[in-house]
Amino acid sequence: MLAFSTGLLGTALFGTGCSSTSADNQPANTQSTKASQELSGSILVSAAASLNSSFTQISKAFMELHPKAKVTLNFVSSGQIAAQIEQGAPADIAAIADTAPMQALEKAQLVLAPSKVFARNSLAIVTKANNPLNIRSLADLATVGTVSLCVQTAPCGKFAEQSLTTAGVSIAESNITRGADAQATLRAVTEGDAEAGIVYATDASPDASVAIEQRYNINNEYPIAVTRSSSQRVLAAAFMEFVLSAAGQSILSRAGFLAP
C-alpha cells in the first residue's frame, strides 16, 4: 500500500531534445515542493482517544507540509472505531490502540492490508495530585475506594483487567466506575469521582501516577491502516506514511509513546 501511494505522489517531468530534464536530476527541495502542491483533498482520521494530543500535532504538521490537504480528527475508543467502520461510518484512516480490532477489520476486508504498527504504550496507575492515599501498587487499588477503569470493550479496559488478573488483584465491581475511553477514565480521577484509576502511561502526569511493575504491565501496539471505503486513498496513504516517518515518530516519542 505504501509503495502504491509513493508511486502516485511521484512527479514526472517531460521535455524534448537536449533541454529535457528528468525528475531524478531535479533538486530535492523542488521535488518536495511539487509533491506538497499536488496533495490535496480532505480525509477523516478515526484515532484512539489516547492519541488525541499527538495526532493533533501530527495532523497540524502534515497540513503545514501539504497546505491543500485537510485532516479532520475523530477521537473515540478503539472498539468504537472498529464498530463505526463496520457499520459503514465514513473514515479514511483507522489508528487503533490494539491489534485485535484491526485484525477484525482486516479479516472483514474493511481496511487495506497490511496495517502497520506505529507506536507502543503501557499502563500506569493514576492518582489524585501528589498521591494523598500513598498508592504504591496494583494491590492497593483493592482497598482505596472507587477505582476508575475503561469499559471492557475498550483496549485500555481489556488491558487493565489483564494486568489486575496477572497481579492477582480483585476489585469489587461496586467500587469500579468505568469510562468510555482512556481520557474519560482519567477525568473520573482528576474530577474527584474516583480515588485512582488505570490508564495508558502517556495519559498519566508524573506528579499523579504510579508505575506498574513490568511483570504485571501490558505493552500494547498501535496499528494504523487506510480504510477500503476511503475516496482519498492517496492522501490517506500519505498521512499514514507521515505517521510512520521520522517526523511523526518524533512527535509520538515526545508524547511518551514507545517505538513500534
Foldseek 3Di string as FASTA:
>chain_A
DLVVLVVVLFDAFDDDDPPGDGPVPDDPVVRQLSSLAPDADEFEEEEEQLCVVLVVVLQVVSCVSRVRYYYHYHYFFQLVVLVCLVVPHGGFKYKHFAVVSVVVCVVVQFFDDDWDWFFKWKKWKFFEFQLPVPDAAPQCVQPPAAEEFAPCSGPRRVQVVQLCVQVVHDHPPVRYDHDRHQVRSVCCRHVVVHGMYMHIPLVHDPRTIYGYPPSSMDMTTIIMTTTPPDPSNSNSSVSSVSCNDPNNSVSCVVSPTHGD
